[in-house]
Amino acid sequence: MFWCGTLLVSMLFGGVYLQKENDIAFAINRGKTYYFPHSFGLSWQQAVEYCRNHGMFLVTIQTKEQLGSVVEYLNTSGYWKTKDQLHMWTSLNDIGEEGQYFWASTGERLTFDRWKAGEPDNKRLDTCTTENCVVLSHHPVRGVYYSFDDRPCQENNLFLCESLG
């Protein structure tokens, strides 16, 4: 549904997410289709559902080549023209068993080591909140270059959807 020709309204988990129509970027890169709604963040669970509602999956990065494809896409998306850091959900998590990381999109175990220094740390924020979901983090000023970082799944972050084909 379009509202005033400039906003797309999405319903998800009973919430309404407004996004600028031109903020959604589709691209085909190295045989995969990417979908990057970079004007709003969602929790990890909401991001998974959002991608599924668009016939896609939250991004999986299992190899150096896949990381290169994601970085190439982000570099051409226009995101870096106005931003200097990124925290973007991936499908990687250890929700099932602490310390056992799997990609929700494929069911595969993590084999590609891109952890930020000191991560994963499974930081406990309070009695009910620990870090079980993983973002791709890029913050050059702090010396972080496209690295994995575990975060609380309830935190709102950007996300990237992809086709698995």
N, C-alpha and C. Protein backbone atom coordinates (compact mmCIF):
# COMPACT_ATOMS: atom_id res chain seq x y z
N MET A 1 0.84 -1.16 0.00
CA MET A 1 0.00 0.00 0.00
C MET A 1 0.89 1.23 0.00
N PHE A 2 0.65 2.18 -0.91
CA PHE A 2 1.41 3.42 -0.93
C PHE A 2 0.58 4.53 -0.31
N TRP A 3 1.25 5.37 0.44
CA TRP A 3 0.60 6.46 1.14
C TRP A 3 1.24 7.74 0.69
N CYS A 4 0.49 8.61 0.05
CA CYS A 4 0.97 9.89 -0.48
C CYS A 4 2.09 9.68 -1.51
N GLY A 5 2.20 8.51 -2.10
CA GLY A 5 3.17 8.26 -3.14
C GLY A 5 4.61 8.16 -2.68
N THR A 6 4.89 8.38 -1.38
CA THR A 6 6.28 8.36 -0.95
C THR A 6 6.57 7.38 0.16
N LEU A 7 5.56 6.82 0.77
CA LEU A 7 5.80 5.91 1.88
C LEU A 7 5.17 4.55 1.60
N LEU A 8 5.90 3.51 1.93
CA LEU A 8 5.39 2.16 1.83
C LEU A 8 5.11 1.70 3.24
N VAL A 9 3.94 1.17 3.47
CA VAL A 9 3.58 0.72 4.81
C VAL A 9 3.65 -0.80 4.83
N SER A 10 4.39 -1.33 5.78
CA SER A 10 4.51 -2.78 5.94
C SER A 10 3.95 -3.17 7.29
N MET A 11 3.18 -4.23 7.32
CA MET A 11 2.65 -4.75 8.57
C MET A 11 3.50 -5.94 8.97
N LEU A 12 3.96 -5.96 10.23
CA LEU A 12 4.80 -7.04 10.69
C LEU A 12 4.63 -7.16 12.19
N PHE A 13 4.26 -8.34 12.67
CA PHE A 13 4.07 -8.58 14.09
C PHE A 13 3.14 -7.53 14.71
N GLY A 14 2.13 -7.10 13.99
CA GLY A 14 1.18 -6.14 14.53
C GLY A 14 1.71 -4.72 14.54
N GLY A 15 2.91 -4.48 14.08
CA GLY A 15 3.49 -3.14 14.05
C GLY A 15 3.42 -2.58 12.66
N VAL A 16 3.58 -1.28 12.56
CA VAL A 16 3.61 -0.63 11.28
C VAL A 16 5.00 -0.04 11.11
N TYR A 17 5.64 -0.35 10.00
CA TYR A 17 6.96 0.17 9.71
C TYR A 17 6.86 1.03 8.47
N LEU A 18 7.22 2.29 8.59
CA LEU A 18 7.18 3.20 7.46
C LEU A 18 8.57 3.29 6.87
N GLN A 19 8.63 3.24 5.58
CA GLN A 19 9.92 3.35 4.93
C GLN A 19 9.76 4.21 3.70
N LYS A 20 10.76 4.98 3.39
CA LYS A 20 10.72 5.78 2.18
C LYS A 20 10.83 4.84 0.99
N GLU A 21 10.02 5.07 0.00
CA GLU A 21 9.98 4.20 -1.17
C GLU A 21 11.36 4.06 -1.82
N ASN A 22 12.13 5.15 -1.90
CA ASN A 22 13.43 5.08 -2.56
C ASN A 22 14.54 4.57 -1.66
N ASP A 23 14.27 4.26 -0.40
CA ASP A 23 15.27 3.74 0.51
C ASP A 23 15.43 2.23 0.39
N ILE A 24 14.58 1.58 -0.33
CA ILE A 24 14.69 0.13 -0.50
C ILE A 24 15.51 -0.11 -1.76
N ALA A 25 16.60 -0.84 -1.59
CA ALA A 25 17.48 -1.10 -2.73
C ALA A 25 17.45 -2.57 -3.09
N PHE A 26 17.12 -2.86 -4.32
CA PHE A 26 17.22 -4.21 -4.86
C PHE A 26 18.45 -4.26 -5.74
N ALA A 27 19.14 -5.36 -5.74
CA ALA A 27 20.28 -5.51 -6.65
C ALA A 27 20.53 -6.98 -6.88
N ILE A 28 21.05 -7.28 -8.03
CA ILE A 28 21.51 -8.63 -8.32
C ILE A 28 23.02 -8.55 -8.40
N ASN A 29 23.68 -9.31 -7.54
CA ASN A 29 25.13 -9.27 -7.46
C ASN A 29 25.65 -10.69 -7.34
N ARG A 30 26.47 -11.10 -8.29
CA ARG A 30 27.06 -12.44 -8.29
C ARG A 30 26.00 -13.53 -8.17
N GLY A 31 24.88 -13.34 -8.87
CA GLY A 31 23.86 -14.37 -8.92
C GLY A 31 22.86 -14.34 -7.78
N LYS A 32 23.04 -13.46 -6.80
CA LYS A 32 22.09 -13.35 -5.69
C LYS A 32 21.35 -12.02 -5.79
N THR A 33 20.12 -12.03 -5.34
CA THR A 33 19.35 -10.81 -5.26
C THR A 33 19.40 -10.32 -3.83
N TYR A 34 19.72 -9.06 -3.63
CA TYR A 34 19.76 -8.46 -2.29
C TYR A 34 18.64 -7.43 -2.15
N TYR A 35 18.18 -7.28 -0.94
CA TYR A 35 17.12 -6.34 -0.60
C TYR A 35 17.55 -5.66 0.69
N PHE A 36 17.84 -4.37 0.64
CA PHE A 36 18.41 -3.64 1.78
C PHE A 36 17.55 -2.44 2.14
N PRO A 37 16.57 -2.62 3.03
CA PRO A 37 15.76 -1.48 3.48
C PRO A 37 16.51 -0.69 4.55
N HIS A 38 17.38 0.22 4.13
CA HIS A 38 18.31 0.86 5.06
C HIS A 38 17.78 2.11 5.75
N SER A 39 16.47 2.33 5.72
CA SER A 39 15.94 3.50 6.42
C SER A 39 15.34 3.16 7.79
N PHE A 40 15.36 1.88 8.19
CA PHE A 40 14.81 1.51 9.50
C PHE A 40 15.44 0.20 9.95
N GLY A 41 15.43 -0.01 11.27
CA GLY A 41 15.94 -1.24 11.84
C GLY A 41 14.83 -2.05 12.47
N LEU A 42 15.10 -3.34 12.63
CA LEU A 42 14.16 -4.25 13.26
C LEU A 42 14.93 -5.17 14.21
N SER A 43 14.21 -5.84 15.10
CA SER A 43 14.83 -6.88 15.91
C SER A 43 15.22 -8.02 14.98
N TRP A 44 16.04 -8.95 15.48
CA TRP A 44 16.48 -10.06 14.64
C TRP A 44 15.28 -10.88 14.16
N GLN A 45 14.36 -11.22 15.07
CA GLN A 45 13.20 -12.02 14.70
C GLN A 45 12.33 -11.29 13.68
N GLN A 46 12.14 -10.00 13.86
CA GLN A 46 11.35 -9.23 12.91
C GLN A 46 12.04 -9.16 11.55
N ALA A 47 13.36 -9.04 11.55
CA ALA A 47 14.11 -8.99 10.29
C ALA A 47 13.98 -10.32 9.54
N VAL A 48 14.06 -11.44 10.27
CA VAL A 48 13.87 -12.76 9.64
C VAL A 48 12.50 -12.81 8.98
N GLU A 49 11.48 -12.40 9.71
CA GLU A 49 10.11 -12.44 9.18
C GLU A 49 9.93 -11.47 8.01
N TYR A 50 10.52 -10.30 8.11
CA TYR A 50 10.43 -9.31 7.03
C TYR A 50 11.00 -9.89 5.73
N CYS A 51 12.19 -10.50 5.83
CA CYS A 51 12.80 -11.10 4.65
C CYS A 51 11.92 -12.22 4.08
N ARG A 52 11.40 -13.08 4.96
CA ARG A 52 10.54 -14.18 4.51
C ARG A 52 9.28 -13.64 3.82
N ASN A 53 8.72 -12.56 4.34
CA ASN A 53 7.55 -11.96 3.71
C ASN A 53 7.85 -11.42 2.32
N HIS A 54 9.11 -11.20 2.03
CA HIS A 54 9.53 -10.74 0.70
C HIS A 54 10.13 -11.89 -0.13
N GLY A 55 9.90 -13.13 0.34
CA GLY A 55 10.37 -14.30 -0.41
C GLY A 55 11.87 -14.49 -0.36
N MET A 56 12.50 -13.95 0.69
CA MET A 56 13.95 -14.01 0.79
C MET A 56 14.34 -14.48 2.19
N PHE A 57 15.64 -14.46 2.47
CA PHE A 57 16.18 -14.89 3.76
C PHE A 57 17.14 -13.84 4.29
N LEU A 58 17.27 -13.78 5.60
CA LEU A 58 18.29 -12.93 6.20
C LEU A 58 19.66 -13.42 5.73
N VAL A 59 20.55 -12.50 5.43
CA VAL A 59 21.82 -12.82 4.76
C VAL A 59 22.68 -13.83 5.53
N THR A 60 23.31 -14.71 4.77
CA THR A 60 24.27 -15.69 5.27
C THR A 60 25.62 -15.38 4.64
N ILE A 61 26.68 -15.39 5.46
CA ILE A 61 28.03 -15.10 4.96
C ILE A 61 28.94 -16.22 5.43
N GLN A 62 29.10 -17.22 4.58
CA GLN A 62 29.85 -18.43 4.94
C GLN A 62 31.26 -18.47 4.36
N THR A 63 31.57 -17.56 3.45
CA THR A 63 32.88 -17.59 2.80
C THR A 63 33.39 -16.17 2.58
N LYS A 64 34.67 -16.07 2.28
CA LYS A 64 35.28 -14.79 1.94
C LYS A 64 34.61 -14.21 0.68
N GLU A 65 34.25 -15.08 -0.25
CA GLU A 65 33.61 -14.65 -1.49
C GLU A 65 32.22 -14.07 -1.21
N GLN A 66 31.46 -14.72 -0.33
CA GLN A 66 30.14 -14.20 0.02
C GLN A 66 30.27 -12.86 0.73
N LEU A 67 31.25 -12.73 1.62
CA LEU A 67 31.48 -11.44 2.28
C LEU A 67 31.83 -10.39 1.23
N GLY A 68 32.68 -10.75 0.28
CA GLY A 68 33.04 -9.81 -0.78
C GLY A 68 31.84 -9.34 -1.58
N SER A 69 30.93 -10.25 -1.84
CA SER A 69 29.71 -9.91 -2.58
C SER A 69 28.84 -8.94 -1.78
N VAL A 70 28.71 -9.19 -0.47
CA VAL A 70 27.91 -8.30 0.39
C VAL A 70 28.57 -6.93 0.48
N VAL A 71 29.87 -6.89 0.68
CA VAL A 71 30.60 -5.62 0.78
C VAL A 71 30.48 -4.85 -0.54
N GLU A 72 30.64 -5.54 -1.65
CA GLU A 72 30.49 -4.91 -2.96
C GLU A 72 29.10 -4.31 -3.12
N TYR A 73 28.09 -5.08 -2.73
CA TYR A 73 26.72 -4.57 -2.81
C TYR A 73 26.54 -3.33 -1.93
N LEU A 74 26.99 -3.39 -0.68
CA LEU A 74 26.85 -2.25 0.22
C LEU A 74 27.57 -1.02 -0.33
N ASN A 75 28.74 -1.23 -0.92
CA ASN A 75 29.51 -0.10 -1.48
C ASN A 75 28.79 0.56 -2.65
N THR A 76 28.01 -0.21 -3.40
CA THR A 76 27.29 0.37 -4.54
C THR A 76 25.87 0.81 -4.20
N SER A 77 25.40 0.52 -2.98
CA SER A 77 24.02 0.83 -2.60
C SER A 77 23.79 2.30 -2.29
N GLY A 78 24.85 3.05 -2.06
CA GLY A 78 24.69 4.45 -1.68
C GLY A 78 24.65 4.66 -0.18
N TYR A 79 24.61 3.58 0.59
CA TYR A 79 24.51 3.67 2.05
C TYR A 79 25.66 4.48 2.65
N TRP A 80 26.88 4.28 2.16
CA TRP A 80 28.06 4.92 2.75
C TRP A 80 28.16 6.40 2.43
N LYS A 81 27.30 6.92 1.57
CA LYS A 81 27.33 8.36 1.26
C LYS A 81 26.90 9.19 2.46
N THR A 82 26.07 8.60 3.33
CA THR A 82 25.56 9.36 4.48
C THR A 82 25.87 8.71 5.82
N LYS A 83 26.46 7.52 5.82
CA LYS A 83 26.72 6.78 7.07
C LYS A 83 28.21 6.47 7.20
N ASP A 84 28.66 6.31 8.47
CA ASP A 84 30.07 5.96 8.68
C ASP A 84 30.24 4.67 9.48
N GLN A 85 29.12 4.00 9.79
CA GLN A 85 29.20 2.72 10.49
C GLN A 85 27.99 1.88 10.14
N LEU A 86 28.11 0.57 10.41
CA LEU A 86 27.04 -0.36 10.06
C LEU A 86 26.95 -1.44 11.12
N HIS A 87 25.74 -1.73 11.55
CA HIS A 87 25.42 -2.90 12.37
C HIS A 87 24.22 -3.54 11.68
N MET A 88 24.44 -4.64 10.99
CA MET A 88 23.42 -5.23 10.13
C MET A 88 23.24 -6.70 10.49
N TRP A 89 21.98 -7.07 10.80
CA TRP A 89 21.69 -8.46 11.15
C TRP A 89 22.09 -9.41 10.05
N THR A 90 22.64 -10.55 10.46
CA THR A 90 22.84 -11.70 9.59
C THR A 90 21.93 -12.80 10.14
N SER A 91 21.86 -13.93 9.48
CA SER A 91 21.03 -15.02 10.00
C SER A 91 21.76 -15.86 11.05
N LEU A 92 23.01 -15.51 11.35
CA LEU A 92 23.82 -16.27 12.31
C LEU A 92 23.33 -16.05 13.75
N ASN A 93 23.24 -17.15 14.50
CA ASN A 93 22.79 -17.06 15.89
C ASN A 93 23.19 -18.31 16.66
N ASP A 94 23.12 -18.19 18.00
CA ASP A 94 23.31 -19.37 18.86
C ASP A 94 22.12 -19.50 19.82
N ILE A 95 20.94 -19.24 19.28
CA ILE A 95 19.71 -19.31 20.07
C ILE A 95 19.46 -20.73 20.57
N GLY A 96 19.72 -21.73 19.76
CA GLY A 96 19.45 -23.12 20.12
C GLY A 96 20.35 -23.64 21.23
N GLU A 97 21.63 -23.34 21.17
CA GLU A 97 22.59 -23.80 22.18
C GLU A 97 23.72 -22.78 22.26
N GLU A 98 23.96 -22.29 23.46
CA GLU A 98 24.98 -21.27 23.67
C GLU A 98 26.33 -21.70 23.10
N GLY A 99 26.92 -20.82 22.29
CA GLY A 99 28.23 -21.06 21.72
C GLY A 99 28.24 -21.90 20.46
N GLN A 100 27.09 -22.44 20.05
CA GLN A 100 26.97 -23.23 18.83
C GLN A 100 26.26 -22.38 17.78
N TYR A 101 27.03 -21.78 16.89
CA TYR A 101 26.48 -20.82 15.93
C TYR A 101 26.07 -21.50 14.63
N PHE A 102 24.83 -21.23 14.22
CA PHE A 102 24.26 -21.75 12.99
C PHE A 102 23.62 -20.61 12.21
N TRP A 103 23.59 -20.77 10.89
CA TRP A 103 22.91 -19.82 10.01
C TRP A 103 21.45 -20.24 9.91
N ALA A 104 20.54 -19.39 10.37
CA ALA A 104 19.11 -19.71 10.34
C ALA A 104 18.62 -19.91 8.91
N SER A 105 19.20 -19.21 7.96
CA SER A 105 18.74 -19.29 6.57
C SER A 105 19.05 -20.63 5.91
N THR A 106 20.16 -21.27 6.31
CA THR A 106 20.58 -22.50 5.65
C THR A 106 20.67 -23.69 6.60
N GLY A 107 20.70 -23.45 7.91
CA GLY A 107 20.87 -24.52 8.88
C GLY A 107 22.31 -24.98 9.04
N GLU A 108 23.24 -24.34 8.33
CA GLU A 108 24.64 -24.73 8.38
C GLU A 108 25.35 -24.14 9.59
N ARG A 109 26.32 -24.88 10.09
CA ARG A 109 27.16 -24.44 11.21
C ARG A 109 28.13 -23.36 10.70
N LEU A 110 28.48 -22.42 11.57
CA LEU A 110 29.46 -21.39 11.24
C LEU A 110 30.83 -22.02 11.01
N THR A 111 31.43 -21.73 9.86
CA THR A 111 32.78 -22.20 9.57
C THR A 111 33.70 -21.04 9.17
N PHE A 112 33.15 -19.88 8.87
CA PHE A 112 33.90 -18.71 8.41
C PHE A 112 34.13 -17.79 9.60
N ASP A 113 35.36 -17.66 10.03
CA ASP A 113 35.69 -16.89 11.24
C ASP A 113 35.94 -15.42 10.91
N ARG A 114 34.95 -14.58 11.22
CA ARG A 114 35.07 -13.14 11.01
C ARG A 114 34.73 -12.39 12.29
N TRP A 115 34.95 -12.99 13.44
CA TRP A 115 34.57 -12.35 14.70
C TRP A 115 35.42 -11.11 14.97
N LYS A 116 34.76 -10.08 15.44
CA LYS A 116 35.44 -8.89 15.93
C LYS A 116 36.26 -9.30 17.15
N ALA A 117 37.37 -8.62 17.41
CA ALA A 117 38.21 -8.94 18.57
C ALA A 117 37.37 -8.96 19.84
N GLY A 118 37.51 -10.04 20.63
CA GLY A 118 36.77 -10.16 21.89
C GLY A 118 35.37 -10.74 21.75
N GLU A 119 34.98 -11.06 20.54
CA GLU A 119 33.65 -11.63 20.28
C GLU A 119 33.79 -13.08 19.84
N PRO A 120 32.77 -13.89 19.99
CA PRO A 120 31.52 -13.57 20.68
C PRO A 120 31.72 -13.59 22.19
N ASP A 121 31.07 -12.66 22.85
CA ASP A 121 31.23 -12.59 24.31
C ASP A 121 29.97 -12.94 25.08
N ASN A 122 28.84 -13.14 24.37
CA ASN A 122 27.57 -13.50 25.01
C ASN A 122 27.28 -12.60 26.22
N LYS A 123 27.53 -11.33 26.06
CA LYS A 123 27.34 -10.36 27.13
C LYS A 123 25.91 -10.44 27.69
N ARG A 124 25.82 -10.47 29.00
CA ARG A 124 24.51 -10.49 29.67
C ARG A 124 24.16 -9.05 30.03
N LEU A 125 23.06 -8.56 29.47
CA LEU A 125 22.64 -7.18 29.71
C LEU A 125 21.77 -7.06 30.95
N ASP A 126 21.00 -8.10 31.22
CA ASP A 126 20.19 -8.18 32.44
C ASP A 126 19.85 -9.66 32.65
N THR A 127 18.99 -9.96 33.59
CA THR A 127 18.71 -11.37 33.90
C THR A 127 18.05 -12.12 32.75
N CYS A 128 17.42 -11.40 31.81
CA CYS A 128 16.70 -12.06 30.71
C CYS A 128 17.32 -11.82 29.35
N THR A 129 18.33 -10.97 29.23
CA THR A 129 18.84 -10.59 27.92
C THR A 129 20.31 -10.90 27.77
N THR A 130 20.61 -11.80 26.85
CA THR A 130 22.00 -12.09 26.48
C THR A 130 22.14 -11.90 24.97
N GLU A 131 23.37 -11.94 24.50
CA GLU A 131 23.63 -11.74 23.09
C GLU A 131 23.66 -13.09 22.36
N ASN A 132 22.63 -13.33 21.54
CA ASN A 132 22.51 -14.59 20.82
C ASN A 132 22.38 -14.45 19.31
N CYS A 133 22.26 -13.23 18.81
CA CYS A 133 22.11 -13.00 17.38
C CYS A 133 23.30 -12.18 16.90
N VAL A 134 23.64 -12.30 15.62
CA VAL A 134 24.90 -11.75 15.14
C VAL A 134 24.69 -10.72 14.03
N VAL A 135 25.40 -9.59 14.21
CA VAL A 135 25.41 -8.54 13.19
C VAL A 135 26.73 -8.58 12.43
N LEU A 136 26.70 -8.05 11.23
CA LEU A 136 27.92 -7.72 10.51
C LEU A 136 28.20 -6.27 10.86
N SER A 137 29.34 -6.04 11.48
CA SER A 137 29.68 -4.72 12.01
C SER A 137 30.82 -4.12 11.19
N HIS A 138 30.67 -2.85 10.84
CA HIS A 138 31.72 -2.13 10.12
C HIS A 138 31.78 -0.71 10.67
N HIS A 139 32.89 -0.38 11.31
CA HIS A 139 33.09 0.94 11.88
C HIS A 139 34.58 1.27 11.78
N PRO A 140 35.03 1.72 10.61
CA PRO A 140 36.45 1.93 10.36
C PRO A 140 37.15 2.83 11.38
N VAL A 141 36.47 3.85 11.89
CA VAL A 141 37.08 4.76 12.86
C VAL A 141 37.53 4.00 14.10
N ARG A 142 36.82 2.92 14.44
CA ARG A 142 37.16 2.10 15.61
C ARG A 142 37.95 0.84 15.23
N GLY A 143 38.37 0.74 13.98
CA GLY A 143 39.17 -0.40 13.56
C GLY A 143 38.37 -1.68 13.36
N VAL A 144 37.07 -1.56 13.11
CA VAL A 144 36.21 -2.73 12.89
C VAL A 144 35.85 -2.77 11.40
N TYR A 145 36.26 -3.85 10.73
CA TYR A 145 36.08 -3.96 9.28
C TYR A 145 35.29 -5.22 8.94
N TYR A 146 34.00 -5.06 8.74
CA TYR A 146 33.12 -6.16 8.34
C TYR A 146 33.37 -7.42 9.16
N SER A 147 33.07 -7.31 10.44
CA SER A 147 33.29 -8.39 11.40
C SER A 147 31.98 -8.80 12.04
N PHE A 148 31.94 -10.04 12.56
CA PHE A 148 30.77 -10.53 13.28
C PHE A 148 30.83 -10.07 14.73
N ASP A 149 29.66 -9.74 15.27
CA ASP A 149 29.53 -9.30 16.66
C ASP A 149 28.20 -9.81 17.18
N ASP A 150 28.21 -10.55 18.31
CA ASP A 150 26.93 -11.01 18.86
C ASP A 150 26.26 -9.87 19.60
N ARG A 151 24.95 -9.80 19.45
CA ARG A 151 24.13 -8.72 20.01
C ARG A 151 22.83 -9.31 20.55
N PRO A 152 22.13 -8.55 21.41
CA PRO A 152 20.81 -9.00 21.87
C PRO A 152 19.84 -9.06 20.68
N CYS A 153 19.13 -10.14 20.55
CA CYS A 153 18.21 -10.31 19.42
C CYS A 153 17.10 -9.26 19.40
N GLN A 154 16.80 -8.67 20.55
CA GLN A 154 15.73 -7.67 20.64
C GLN A 154 16.15 -6.30 20.13
N GLU A 155 17.44 -6.08 19.95
CA GLU A 155 17.97 -4.80 19.50
C GLU A 155 17.54 -4.54 18.07
N ASN A 156 17.22 -3.29 17.77
CA ASN A 156 16.87 -2.92 16.40
C ASN A 156 18.14 -2.59 15.62
N ASN A 157 18.32 -3.27 14.50
CA ASN A 157 19.46 -3.05 13.61
C ASN A 157 19.00 -3.11 12.17
N LEU A 158 19.81 -2.57 11.28
CA LEU A 158 19.56 -2.75 9.87
C LEU A 158 19.72 -4.22 9.52
N PHE A 159 19.34 -4.62 8.33
CA PHE A 159 19.42 -6.01 7.92
C PHE A 159 19.47 -6.09 6.41
N LEU A 160 19.94 -7.22 5.92
CA LEU A 160 20.04 -7.44 4.48
C LEU A 160 19.37 -8.77 4.17
N CYS A 161 18.43 -8.72 3.25
CA CYS A 161 17.77 -9.95 2.79
C CYS A 161 18.45 -10.40 1.50
N GLU A 162 18.43 -11.72 1.26
CA GLU A 162 19.02 -12.24 0.02
C GLU A 162 18.23 -13.45 -0.47
N SER A 163 18.34 -13.68 -1.76
CA SER A 163 17.84 -14.93 -2.31
C SER A 163 18.91 -15.97 -2.06
N LEU A 164 18.53 -17.24 -1.93
CA LEU A 164 19.52 -18.28 -1.70
C LEU A 164 19.97 -18.95 -2.99
N GLY A 165 19.42 -18.52 -4.12
CA GLY A 165 19.76 -19.13 -5.40
C GLY A 165 21.14 -18.85 -5.90
